[in-house]
Amino acid sequence: MKFKLDEEYIELFKLLKVMGVAESGAHAKTLIEEGQVKLNGEIETRKRAKIVSGERIEVGGEVIEVES
């Protein structure tokens, strides 16, 4: 999946919610807390990590590529 970034960054939990990977913000935060989300191949536990263009997020078999 591709996500077009309109601003400088998007917080990780918001990206998961917007892309439909998580049902809600709370669900997104739970996925992150449980270590189910990878940012550029590394497990990411910061819910509000600033995701910028060029980054790749993996969760539950889905891959999100962020572009500007």
PDB file of N, CA and C in Angstrom:
ATOM      1  N   MET A   1       0.847  -1.177   0.000  1.00  0.00           N
ATOM      2  CA  MET A   1       0.000   0.000   0.000  1.00  0.00           C
ATOM      3  C   MET A   1       0.889   1.237   0.000  1.00  0.00           C
ATOM      4  N   LYS A   2       0.398   2.263  -0.614  1.00  0.00           N
ATOM      5  CA  LYS A   2       1.146   3.525  -0.633  1.00  0.00           C
ATOM      6  C   LYS A   2       0.335   4.589   0.098  1.00  0.00           C
ATOM      7  N   PHE A   3       1.056   5.449   0.820  1.00  0.00           N
ATOM      8  CA  PHE A   3       0.413   6.563   1.513  1.00  0.00           C
ATOM      9  C   PHE A   3       1.076   7.837   1.050  1.00  0.00           C
ATOM     10  N   LYS A   4       0.270   8.777   0.556  1.00  0.00           N
ATOM     11  CA  LYS A   4       0.777  10.066   0.090  1.00  0.00           C
ATOM     12  C   LYS A   4       0.786  11.030   1.268  1.00  0.00           C
ATOM     13  N   LEU A   5       1.971  11.480   1.625  1.00  0.00           N
ATOM     14  CA  LEU A   5       2.147  12.380   2.761  1.00  0.00           C
ATOM     15  C   LEU A   5       1.954  13.820   2.311  1.00  0.00           C
ATOM     16  N   ASP A   6       0.981  14.510   2.917  1.00  0.00           N
ATOM     17  CA  ASP A   6       0.684  15.892   2.545  1.00  0.00           C
ATOM     18  C   ASP A   6       1.401  16.903   3.438  1.00  0.00           C
ATOM     19  N   GLU A   7       1.849  16.443   4.597  1.00  0.00           N
ATOM     20  CA  GLU A   7       2.522  17.326   5.548  1.00  0.00           C
ATOM     21  C   GLU A   7       3.950  16.838   5.750  1.00  0.00           C
ATOM     22  N   GLU A   8       4.648  17.412   6.715  1.00  0.00           N
ATOM     23  CA  GLU A   8       6.030  17.035   6.983  1.00  0.00           C
ATOM     24  C   GLU A   8       6.134  15.599   7.490  1.00  0.00           C
ATOM     25  N   TYR A   9       5.171  15.203   8.324  1.00  0.00           N
ATOM     26  CA  TYR A   9       5.160  13.846   8.891  1.00  0.00           C
ATOM     27  C   TYR A   9       3.746  13.482   9.335  1.00  0.00           C
ATOM     28  N   ILE A  10       3.566  12.185   9.666  1.00  0.00           N
ATOM     29  CA  ILE A  10       2.327  11.710  10.277  1.00  0.00           C
ATOM     30  C   ILE A  10       2.734  10.795  11.428  1.00  0.00           C
ATOM     31  N   GLU A  11       2.005  10.872  12.528  1.00  0.00           N
ATOM     32  CA  GLU A  11       2.319  10.017  13.670  1.00  0.00           C
ATOM     33  C   GLU A  11       1.932   8.582  13.325  1.00  0.00           C
ATOM     34  N   LEU A  12       2.721   7.635  13.789  1.00  0.00           N
ATOM     35  CA  LEU A  12       2.553   6.230  13.437  1.00  0.00           C
ATOM     36  C   LEU A  12       1.146   5.705  13.697  1.00  0.00           C
ATOM     37  N   PHE A  13       0.600   5.938  14.889  1.00  0.00           N
ATOM     38  CA  PHE A  13      -0.726   5.384  15.185  1.00  0.00           C
ATOM     39  C   PHE A  13      -1.794   5.967  14.269  1.00  0.00           C
ATOM     40  N   LYS A  14      -1.639   7.232  13.880  1.00  0.00           N
ATOM     41  CA  LYS A  14      -2.609   7.868  12.978  1.00  0.00           C
ATOM     42  C   LYS A  14      -2.522   7.258  11.583  1.00  0.00           C
ATOM     43  N   LEU A  15      -1.307   6.954  11.144  1.00  0.00           N
ATOM     44  CA  LEU A  15      -1.120   6.338   9.830  1.00  0.00           C
ATOM     45  C   LEU A  15      -1.804   4.978   9.768  1.00  0.00           C
ATOM     46  N   LEU A  16      -1.643   4.172  10.804  1.00  0.00           N
ATOM     47  CA  LEU A  16      -2.270   2.850  10.828  1.00  0.00           C
ATOM     48  C   LEU A  16      -3.788   2.965  10.772  1.00  0.00           C
ATOM     49  N   LYS A  17      -4.332   3.967  11.456  1.00  0.00           N
ATOM     50  CA  LYS A  17      -5.779   4.189  11.467  1.00  0.00           C
ATOM     51  C   LYS A  17      -6.266   4.658  10.090  1.00  0.00           C
ATOM     52  N   VAL A  18      -5.589   5.636   9.524  1.00  0.00           N
ATOM     53  CA  VAL A  18      -5.978   6.193   8.221  1.00  0.00           C
ATOM     54  C   VAL A  18      -5.920   5.134   7.116  1.00  0.00           C
ATOM     55  N   MET A  19      -4.928   4.252   7.184  1.00  0.00           N
ATOM     56  CA  MET A  19      -4.754   3.230   6.146  1.00  0.00           C
ATOM     57  C   MET A  19      -5.668   2.024   6.355  1.00  0.00           C
ATOM     58  N   GLY A  20      -6.422   1.999   7.463  1.00  0.00           N
ATOM     59  CA  GLY A  20      -7.357   0.915   7.697  1.00  0.00           C
ATOM     60  C   GLY A  20      -6.711  -0.347   8.251  1.00  0.00           C
ATOM     61  N   VAL A  21      -5.439  -0.276   8.607  1.00  0.00           N
ATOM     62  CA  VAL A  21      -4.754  -1.426   9.208  1.00  0.00           C
ATOM     63  C   VAL A  21      -5.281  -1.635  10.621  1.00  0.00           C
ATOM     64  N   ALA A  22      -5.602  -0.531  11.293  1.00  0.00           N
ATOM     65  CA  ALA A  22      -6.185  -0.581  12.640  1.00  0.00           C
ATOM     66  C   ALA A  22      -7.610  -0.041  12.567  1.00  0.00           C
ATOM     67  N   GLU A  23      -8.480  -0.612  13.382  1.00  0.00           N
ATOM     68  CA  GLU A  23      -9.886  -0.199  13.381  1.00  0.00           C
ATOM     69  C   GLU A  23     -10.091   1.167  14.019  1.00  0.00           C
ATOM     70  N   SER A  24      -9.178   1.538  14.938  1.00  0.00           N
ATOM     71  CA  SER A  24      -9.305   2.816  15.648  1.00  0.00           C
ATOM     72  C   SER A  24      -7.929   3.233  16.135  1.00  0.00           C
ATOM     73  N   GLY A  25      -7.859   4.429  16.677  1.00  0.00           N
ATOM     74  CA  GLY A  25      -6.602   4.897  17.251  1.00  0.00           C
ATOM     75  C   GLY A  25      -6.150   4.017  18.404  1.00  0.00           C
ATOM     76  N   ALA A  26      -7.110   3.586  19.215  1.00  0.00           N
ATOM     77  CA  ALA A  26      -6.782   2.720  20.353  1.00  0.00           C
ATOM     78  C   ALA A  26      -6.249   1.373  19.869  1.00  0.00           C
ATOM     79  N   HIS A  27      -6.855   0.836  18.818  1.00  0.00           N
ATOM     80  CA  HIS A  27      -6.393  -0.439  18.250  1.00  0.00           C
ATOM     81  C   HIS A  27      -4.975  -0.270  17.701  1.00  0.00           C
ATOM     82  N   ALA A  28      -4.719   0.848  17.014  1.00  0.00           N
ATOM     83  CA  ALA A  28      -3.390   1.117  16.471  1.00  0.00           C
ATOM     84  C   ALA A  28      -2.356   1.163  17.591  1.00  0.00           C
ATOM     85  N   LYS A  29      -2.678   1.845  18.675  1.00  0.00           N
ATOM     86  CA  LYS A  29      -1.752   1.952  19.811  1.00  0.00           C
ATOM     87  C   LYS A  29      -1.465   0.583  20.416  1.00  0.00           C
ATOM     88  N   THR A  30      -2.485  -0.275  20.477  1.00  0.00           N
ATOM     89  CA  THR A  30      -2.307  -1.624  21.013  1.00  0.00           C
ATOM     90  C   THR A  30      -1.366  -2.432  20.122  1.00  0.00           C
ATOM     91  N   LEU A  31      -1.551  -2.355  18.805  1.00  0.00           N
ATOM     92  CA  LEU A  31      -0.670  -3.071  17.876  1.00  0.00           C
ATOM     93  C   LEU A  31       0.783  -2.643  18.078  1.00  0.00           C
ATOM     94  N   ILE A  32       0.987  -1.345  18.248  1.00  0.00           N
ATOM     95  CA  ILE A  32       2.335  -0.809  18.437  1.00  0.00           C
ATOM     96  C   ILE A  32       2.915  -1.278  19.774  1.00  0.00           C
ATOM     97  N   GLU A  33       2.122  -1.174  20.834  1.00  0.00           N
ATOM     98  CA  GLU A  33       2.578  -1.591  22.176  1.00  0.00           C
ATOM     99  C   GLU A  33       2.960  -3.061  22.205  1.00  0.00           C
ATOM    100  N   GLU A  34       2.248  -3.891  21.443  1.00  0.00           N
ATOM    101  CA  GLU A  34       2.499  -5.326  21.434  1.00  0.00           C
ATOM    102  C   GLU A  34       3.669  -5.722  20.534  1.00  0.00           C
ATOM    103  N   GLY A  35       4.332  -4.736  19.918  1.00  0.00           N
ATOM    104  CA  GLY A  35       5.494  -5.027  19.085  1.00  0.00           C
ATOM    105  C   GLY A  35       5.147  -5.629  17.736  1.00  0.00           C
ATOM    106  N   GLN A  36       3.939  -5.371  17.247  1.00  0.00           N
ATOM    107  CA  GLN A  36       3.510  -5.938  15.966  1.00  0.00           C
ATOM    108  C   GLN A  36       3.798  -5.034  14.778  1.00  0.00           C
ATOM    109  N   VAL A  37       4.396  -3.867  15.032  1.00  0.00           N
ATOM    110  CA  VAL A  37       4.637  -2.903  13.967  1.00  0.00           C
ATOM    111  C   VAL A  37       6.138  -2.714  13.757  1.00  0.00           C
ATOM    112  N   LYS A  38       6.557  -2.795  12.485  1.00  0.00           N
ATOM    113  CA  LYS A  38       7.957  -2.562  12.151  1.00  0.00           C
ATOM    114  C   LYS A  38       8.073  -1.290  11.321  1.00  0.00           C
ATOM    115  N   LEU A  39       9.069  -0.494  11.644  1.00  0.00           N
ATOM    116  CA  LEU A  39       9.385   0.724  10.900  1.00  0.00           C
ATOM    117  C   LEU A  39      10.758   0.504  10.288  1.00  0.00           C
ATOM    118  N   ASN A  40      10.817   0.481   8.967  1.00  0.00           N
ATOM    119  CA  ASN A  40      12.075   0.241   8.248  1.00  0.00           C
ATOM    120  C   ASN A  40      12.773  -1.029   8.741  1.00  0.00           C
ATOM    121  N   GLY A  41      11.983  -2.085   8.984  1.00  0.00           N
ATOM    122  CA  GLY A  41      12.535  -3.378   9.357  1.00  0.00           C
ATOM    123  C   GLY A  41      12.798  -3.598  10.842  1.00  0.00           C
ATOM    124  N   GLU A  42      12.625  -2.553  11.655  1.00  0.00           N
ATOM    125  CA  GLU A  42      12.866  -2.652  13.099  1.00  0.00           C
ATOM    126  C   GLU A  42      11.549  -2.479  13.852  1.00  0.00           C
ATOM    127  N   ILE A  43      11.362  -3.241  14.926  1.00  0.00           N
ATOM    128  CA  ILE A  43      10.143  -3.092  15.728  1.00  0.00           C
ATOM    129  C   ILE A  43      10.094  -1.680  16.311  1.00  0.00           C
ATOM    130  N   GLU A  44       8.955  -1.032  16.139  1.00  0.00           N
ATOM    131  CA  GLU A  44       8.767   0.350  16.617  1.00  0.00           C
ATOM    132  C   GLU A  44       7.725   0.342  17.722  1.00  0.00           C
ATOM    133  N   THR A  45       8.087   0.886  18.892  1.00  0.00           N
ATOM    134  CA  THR A  45       7.155   0.910  20.024  1.00  0.00           C
ATOM    135  C   THR A  45       6.692   2.314  20.384  1.00  0.00           C
ATOM    136  N   ARG A  46       7.149   3.324  19.644  1.00  0.00           N
ATOM    137  CA  ARG A  46       6.694   4.697  19.902  1.00  0.00           C
ATOM    138  C   ARG A  46       5.411   4.951  19.116  1.00  0.00           C
ATOM    139  N   LYS A  47       4.317   5.147  19.821  1.00  0.00           N
ATOM    140  CA  LYS A  47       3.022   5.358  19.162  1.00  0.00           C
ATOM    141  C   LYS A  47       3.022   6.622  18.305  1.00  0.00           C
ATOM    142  N   ARG A  48       3.720   7.631  18.782  1.00  0.00           N
ATOM    143  CA  ARG A  48       3.722   8.915  18.087  1.00  0.00           C
ATOM    144  C   ARG A  48       4.997   9.140  17.271  1.00  0.00           C
ATOM    145  N   ALA A  49       5.648   8.040  16.872  1.00  0.00           N
ATOM    146  CA  ALA A  49       6.842   8.160  16.028  1.00  0.00           C
ATOM    147  C   ALA A  49       6.469   8.970  14.789  1.00  0.00           C
ATOM    148  N   LYS A  50       7.322   9.903  14.414  1.00  0.00           N
ATOM    149  CA  LYS A  50       7.053  10.754  13.254  1.00  0.00           C
ATOM    150  C   LYS A  50       7.491  10.034  11.983  1.00  0.00           C
ATOM    151  N   ILE A  51       6.514   9.675  11.174  1.00  0.00           N
ATOM    152  CA  ILE A  51       6.764   8.949   9.942  1.00  0.00           C
ATOM    153  C   ILE A  51       6.886   9.948   8.800  1.00  0.00           C
ATOM    154  N   VAL A  52       8.003   9.877   8.077  1.00  0.00           N
ATOM    155  CA  VAL A  52       8.262  10.811   6.983  1.00  0.00           C
ATOM    156  C   VAL A  52       8.346  10.060   5.659  1.00  0.00           C
ATOM    157  N   SER A  53       8.407  10.819   4.583  1.00  0.00           N
ATOM    158  CA  SER A  53       8.483  10.237   3.246  1.00  0.00           C
ATOM    159  C   SER A  53       9.686   9.306   3.122  1.00  0.00           C
ATOM    160  N   GLY A  54       9.483   8.181   2.445  1.00  0.00           N
ATOM    161  CA  GLY A  54      10.560   7.221   2.224  1.00  0.00           C
ATOM    162  C   GLY A  54      10.589   6.090   3.231  1.00  0.00           C
ATOM    163  N   GLU A  55       9.765   6.183   4.270  1.00  0.00           N
ATOM    164  CA  GLU A  55       9.770   5.135   5.290  1.00  0.00           C
ATOM    165  C   GLU A  55       8.784   4.024   4.926  1.00  0.00           C
ATOM    166  N   ARG A  56       9.040   2.864   5.516  1.00  0.00           N
ATOM    167  CA  ARG A  56       8.242   1.658   5.229  1.00  0.00           C
ATOM    168  C   ARG A  56       7.763   1.065   6.551  1.00  0.00           C
ATOM    169  N   ILE A  57       6.459   0.819   6.628  1.00  0.00           N
ATOM    170  CA  ILE A  57       5.855   0.280   7.845  1.00  0.00           C
ATOM    171  C   ILE A  57       5.277  -1.094   7.511  1.00  0.00           C
ATOM    172  N   GLU A  58       5.534  -2.069   8.383  1.00  0.00           N
ATOM    173  CA  GLU A  58       4.989  -3.416   8.214  1.00  0.00           C
ATOM    174  C   GLU A  58       4.160  -3.762   9.443  1.00  0.00           C
ATOM    175  N   VAL A  59       2.962  -4.282   9.198  1.00  0.00           N
ATOM    176  CA  VAL A  59       2.100  -4.724  10.306  1.00  0.00           C
ATOM    177  C   VAL A  59       1.098  -5.743   9.769  1.00  0.00           C
ATOM    178  N   GLY A  60       1.015  -6.873  10.441  1.00  0.00           N
ATOM    179  CA  GLY A  60       0.040  -7.898  10.076  1.00  0.00           C
ATOM    180  C   GLY A  60       0.078  -8.322   8.623  1.00  0.00           C
ATOM    181  N   GLY A  61       1.260  -8.439   8.047  1.00  0.00           N
ATOM    182  CA  GLY A  61       1.374  -8.856   6.651  1.00  0.00           C
ATOM    183  C   GLY A  61       1.161  -7.732   5.646  1.00  0.00           C
ATOM    184  N   GLU A  62       0.791  -6.562   6.114  1.00  0.00           N
ATOM    185  CA  GLU A  62       0.597  -5.403   5.238  1.00  0.00           C
ATOM    186  C   GLU A  62       1.862  -4.550   5.234  1.00  0.00           C
ATOM    187  N   VAL A  63       2.162  -3.949   4.095  1.00  0.00           N
ATOM    188  CA  VAL A  63       3.299  -3.043   3.996  1.00  0.00           C
ATOM    189  C   VAL A  63       2.785  -1.692   3.513  1.00  0.00           C
ATOM    190  N   ILE A  64       3.154  -0.650   4.234  1.00  0.00           N
ATOM    191  CA  ILE A  64       2.773   0.716   3.867  1.00  0.00           C
ATOM    192  C   ILE A  64       4.034   1.458   3.491  1.00  0.00           C
ATOM    193  N   GLU A  65       4.078   2.003   2.285  1.00  0.00           N
ATOM    194  CA  GLU A  65       5.211   2.809   1.830  1.00  0.00           C
ATOM    195  C   GLU A  65       4.751   4.261   1.814  1.00  0.00           C
ATOM    196  N   VAL A  66       5.503   5.110   2.499  1.00  0.00           N
ATOM    197  CA  VAL A  66       5.136   6.522   2.626  1.00  0.00           C
ATOM    198  C   VAL A  66       5.894   7.323   1.568  1.00  0.00           C
ATOM    199  N   GLU A  67       5.155   8.099   0.784  1.00  0.00           N
ATOM    200  CA  GLU A  67       5.765   8.947  -0.241  1.00  0.00           C
ATOM    201  C   GLU A  67       5.268  10.375  -0.103  1.00  0.00           C
ATOM    202  N   SER A  68       6.050  11.292  -0.658  1.00  0.00           N
ATOM    203  CA  SER A  68       5.633  12.701  -0.593  1.00  0.00           C
ATOM    204  C   SER A  68       4.947  13.109  -1.879  1.00  0.00           C
TER     205      SER A  68
END
